[in-house]
Amino acid sequence: MPARPAYFHRLADAIRVLEQLPSPWIDRHTLQEVLGVSKTVAWRILRRCGASQGPGNTLVCPRQELAAALENLRMGRECVRELGRRQRLEDRLTRLVTAARSQQIRVAPDNRTLALVSTRFTKLPGGVEFSPARLTIDFFGTEDFLEKFGAVVFALQNDFEAISRFIEQAAEQ
């Protein structure tokens, strides 16, 4: 599959900049700067747009012709399809970010977050009883439940080996 030109989304802005330049000729370096592309890509674009050899063996194109050729490229099927694909991808990513943010739930107020993340097996909060065969959480409301449940999860993360030994030693007895 051929590579999709990464500069398609910058063509409209580049055309506006080119139309405002005072010089009647555009060289590879100027196009490279305006479009933000490499030397090779700028050279290929100039060749595609009908550039010719200029002074000092440089590749140049009349500014108006280049702007018109870039506008034709921008309106072409390949560019329109790529811009549509890019827009669909951007829309999808925006929806994913929105969905991910909506899934985030504040487990504890900011002033208690560090204590929650640092919870250890030996320092579970009051209302959490952990025995080798049972976990009991007494809570009062959603916020209290989330905080205590989060403490258990972080204790598992922080002290998994100790919790595992506690459960297994009781099972052996």
Protein backbone atom coordinates (compact mmCIF):
# COMPACT_ATOMS: atom_id res chain seq x y z
CA MET A 1 0.00 0.00 0.00
CA PRO A 2 1.51 3.37 -0.93
CA ALA A 3 2.34 5.77 1.86
CA ARG A 4 -0.22 8.48 2.55
CA PRO A 5 1.33 11.94 2.30
CA ALA A 6 1.55 13.45 5.76
CA TYR A 7 1.35 17.00 4.42
CA PHE A 8 -2.18 16.80 2.96
CA HIS A 9 -3.73 18.37 6.06
CA ARG A 10 -1.35 21.35 5.77
CA LEU A 11 -2.05 22.14 2.10
CA ALA A 12 -4.74 24.81 2.69
CA ASP A 13 -2.52 26.78 5.07
CA ALA A 14 0.49 26.37 2.80
CA ILE A 15 -1.44 27.70 -0.20
CA ARG A 16 -2.46 30.80 1.77
CA VAL A 17 1.17 31.39 2.81
CA LEU A 18 2.45 30.90 -0.73
CA GLU A 19 -0.10 33.37 -2.12
CA GLN A 20 1.15 36.04 0.30
CA LEU A 21 4.84 35.66 -0.54
CA PRO A 22 6.29 38.53 -2.58
CA SER A 23 8.56 36.38 -4.75
CA PRO A 24 7.14 35.23 -8.10
CA TRP A 25 9.21 32.01 -7.85
CA ILE A 26 9.17 29.30 -5.19
CA ASP A 27 12.18 27.06 -4.67
CA ARG A 28 12.52 23.74 -2.90
CA HIS A 29 13.74 25.27 0.36
CA THR A 30 10.79 27.67 0.58
CA LEU A 31 8.29 24.90 -0.10
CA GLN A 32 10.06 22.71 2.43
CA GLU A 33 9.67 25.43 5.07
CA VAL A 34 6.06 26.30 4.21
CA LEU A 35 4.80 22.70 4.14
CA GLY A 36 7.06 21.38 6.89
CA VAL A 37 8.36 18.49 4.78
CA SER A 38 11.77 17.01 4.00
CA LYS A 39 13.99 18.06 1.10
CA THR A 40 13.05 14.97 -0.86
CA VAL A 41 9.32 15.44 -0.38
CA ALA A 42 9.54 19.13 -1.30
CA TRP A 43 11.49 18.21 -4.43
CA ARG A 44 8.88 15.57 -5.39
CA ILE A 45 6.03 18.03 -4.86
CA LEU A 46 7.76 20.63 -7.02
CA ARG A 47 8.37 18.07 -9.79
CA ARG A 48 4.72 16.97 -9.56
CA CYS A 49 3.59 20.59 -9.85
CA GLY A 50 5.61 21.34 -12.98
CA ALA A 51 8.76 22.94 -11.60
CA SER A 52 11.78 23.56 -13.79
CA GLN A 53 15.50 24.12 -13.33
CA GLY A 54 16.30 27.58 -12.02
CA PRO A 55 19.49 29.52 -11.41
CA GLY A 56 22.25 27.64 -9.63
CA ASN A 57 20.76 24.27 -10.57
CA THR A 58 17.82 24.76 -8.20
CA LEU A 59 14.29 23.57 -8.79
CA VAL A 60 11.79 26.45 -8.97
CA CYS A 61 8.15 26.90 -9.84
CA PRO A 62 6.14 30.06 -10.50
CA ARG A 63 4.32 30.92 -7.28
CA GLN A 64 0.85 31.20 -8.87
CA GLU A 65 1.26 27.92 -10.78
CA LEU A 66 2.46 26.13 -7.65
CA ALA A 67 -0.46 27.48 -5.60
CA ALA A 68 -2.90 26.36 -8.31
CA ALA A 69 -1.30 22.92 -8.56
CA LEU A 70 -1.39 22.50 -4.78
CA GLU A 71 -5.05 23.57 -4.76
CA ASN A 72 -5.80 20.93 -7.42
CA LEU A 73 -3.95 18.38 -5.32
CA ARG A 74 -5.93 19.46 -2.23
CA MET A 75 -9.22 19.03 -4.10
CA GLY A 76 -8.17 15.71 -5.65
CA ARG A 77 -9.67 12.38 -4.70
CA GLU A 78 -6.54 11.09 -2.94
CA CYS A 79 -6.28 14.12 -0.66
CA VAL A 80 -10.02 14.33 0.07
CA ARG A 81 -10.05 10.62 0.97
CA GLU A 82 -7.01 10.99 3.23
CA LEU A 83 -8.42 14.08 4.95
CA GLY A 84 -11.70 12.22 5.51
CA ARG A 85 -9.85 9.23 6.94
CA ARG A 86 -7.83 11.50 9.18
CA GLN A 87 -10.98 13.30 10.37
CA ARG A 88 -12.73 9.99 11.11
CA LEU A 89 -9.70 8.85 13.09
CA GLU A 90 -9.59 12.13 15.00
CA ASP A 91 -13.34 11.90 15.76
CA ARG A 92 -12.94 8.31 16.92
CA LEU A 93 -10.01 9.19 19.18
CA THR A 94 -11.97 12.11 20.63
CA ARG A 95 -14.89 9.79 21.40
CA LEU A 96 -12.51 7.27 22.97
CA VAL A 97 -10.93 9.94 25.18
CA THR A 98 -14.39 11.14 26.22
CA ALA A 99 -15.47 7.57 26.98
CA ALA A 100 -12.29 6.90 28.95
CA ARG A 101 -12.74 10.08 30.99
CA SER A 102 -16.33 9.17 31.75
CA GLN A 103 -15.14 5.79 33.04
CA GLN A 104 -12.75 7.36 35.52
CA ILE A 105 -14.19 7.40 39.01
CA ARG A 106 -12.71 9.36 41.87
CA VAL A 107 -12.04 6.75 44.54
CA ALA A 108 -10.82 9.10 47.24
CA PRO A 109 -10.46 12.85 47.73
CA ASP A 110 -7.09 14.26 46.70
CA ASN A 111 -5.94 14.72 50.31
CA ARG A 112 -6.34 10.96 50.98
CA THR A 113 -5.08 9.61 47.67
CA LEU A 114 -1.47 9.06 48.79
CA ALA A 115 -2.59 7.15 51.88
CA LEU A 116 -4.91 5.02 49.76
CA VAL A 117 -2.25 4.17 47.18
CA SER A 118 0.19 3.31 49.99
CA THR A 119 -2.18 0.93 51.79
CA ARG A 120 -0.47 -2.19 53.10
CA PHE A 121 -1.91 -5.54 54.15
CA THR A 122 -1.23 -4.85 57.81
CA LYS A 123 -2.87 -1.40 57.70
CA LEU A 124 -6.24 -1.89 56.04
CA PRO A 125 -8.77 0.80 56.99
CA GLY A 126 -11.36 0.31 59.72
CA GLY A 127 -14.38 -1.63 58.52
CA VAL A 128 -12.28 -3.97 56.37
CA GLU A 129 -11.85 -7.43 57.87
CA PHE A 130 -9.67 -9.89 56.07
CA SER A 131 -9.41 -13.51 57.15
CA PRO A 132 -7.91 -16.43 55.23
CA ALA A 133 -11.36 -17.39 53.92
CA ARG A 134 -13.32 -14.14 53.96
CA LEU A 135 -13.16 -10.48 53.10
CA THR A 136 -15.74 -8.23 54.74
CA ILE A 137 -16.12 -4.54 54.02
CA ASP A 138 -18.46 -2.42 56.13
CA PHE A 139 -19.20 0.87 54.38
CA PHE A 140 -21.52 3.84 54.54
CA GLY A 141 -22.27 5.16 51.08
CA THR A 142 -20.63 4.90 47.70
CA GLU A 143 -17.62 7.06 48.50
CA ASP A 144 -16.79 5.04 51.61
CA PHE A 145 -17.21 1.78 49.66
CA LEU A 146 -14.92 2.95 46.85
CA GLU A 147 -12.27 4.11 49.28
CA LYS A 148 -12.25 0.88 51.29
CA PHE A 149 -12.43 -1.35 48.23
CA GLY A 150 -9.61 0.68 46.66
CA ALA A 151 -7.56 0.18 49.84
CA VAL A 152 -7.96 -3.59 49.48
CA VAL A 153 -6.93 -3.45 45.82
CA PHE A 154 -3.84 -1.36 46.61
CA ALA A 155 -2.95 -3.62 49.53
CA LEU A 156 -3.06 -6.56 47.11
CA GLN A 157 -0.82 -4.67 44.73
CA ASN A 158 1.60 -3.53 47.43
CA ASP A 159 1.74 -6.72 49.56
CA PHE A 160 0.63 -9.56 47.31
CA GLU A 161 3.24 -11.99 48.67
CA ALA A 162 2.25 -11.31 52.31
CA ILE A 163 -1.45 -11.73 51.53
CA SER A 164 -0.76 -14.91 49.58
CA ARG A 165 1.29 -16.35 52.48
CA PHE A 166 -1.48 -15.40 54.96
CA ILE A 167 -4.12 -17.23 52.91
CA GLU A 168 -1.95 -20.27 52.10
CA GLN A 169 -0.68 -20.75 55.69
CA ALA A 170 -4.26 -20.83 56.94
CA ALA A 171 -5.25 -23.29 54.21
CA GLU A 172 -2.38 -25.63 55.24
CA GLN A 173 -3.49 -25.66 58.89
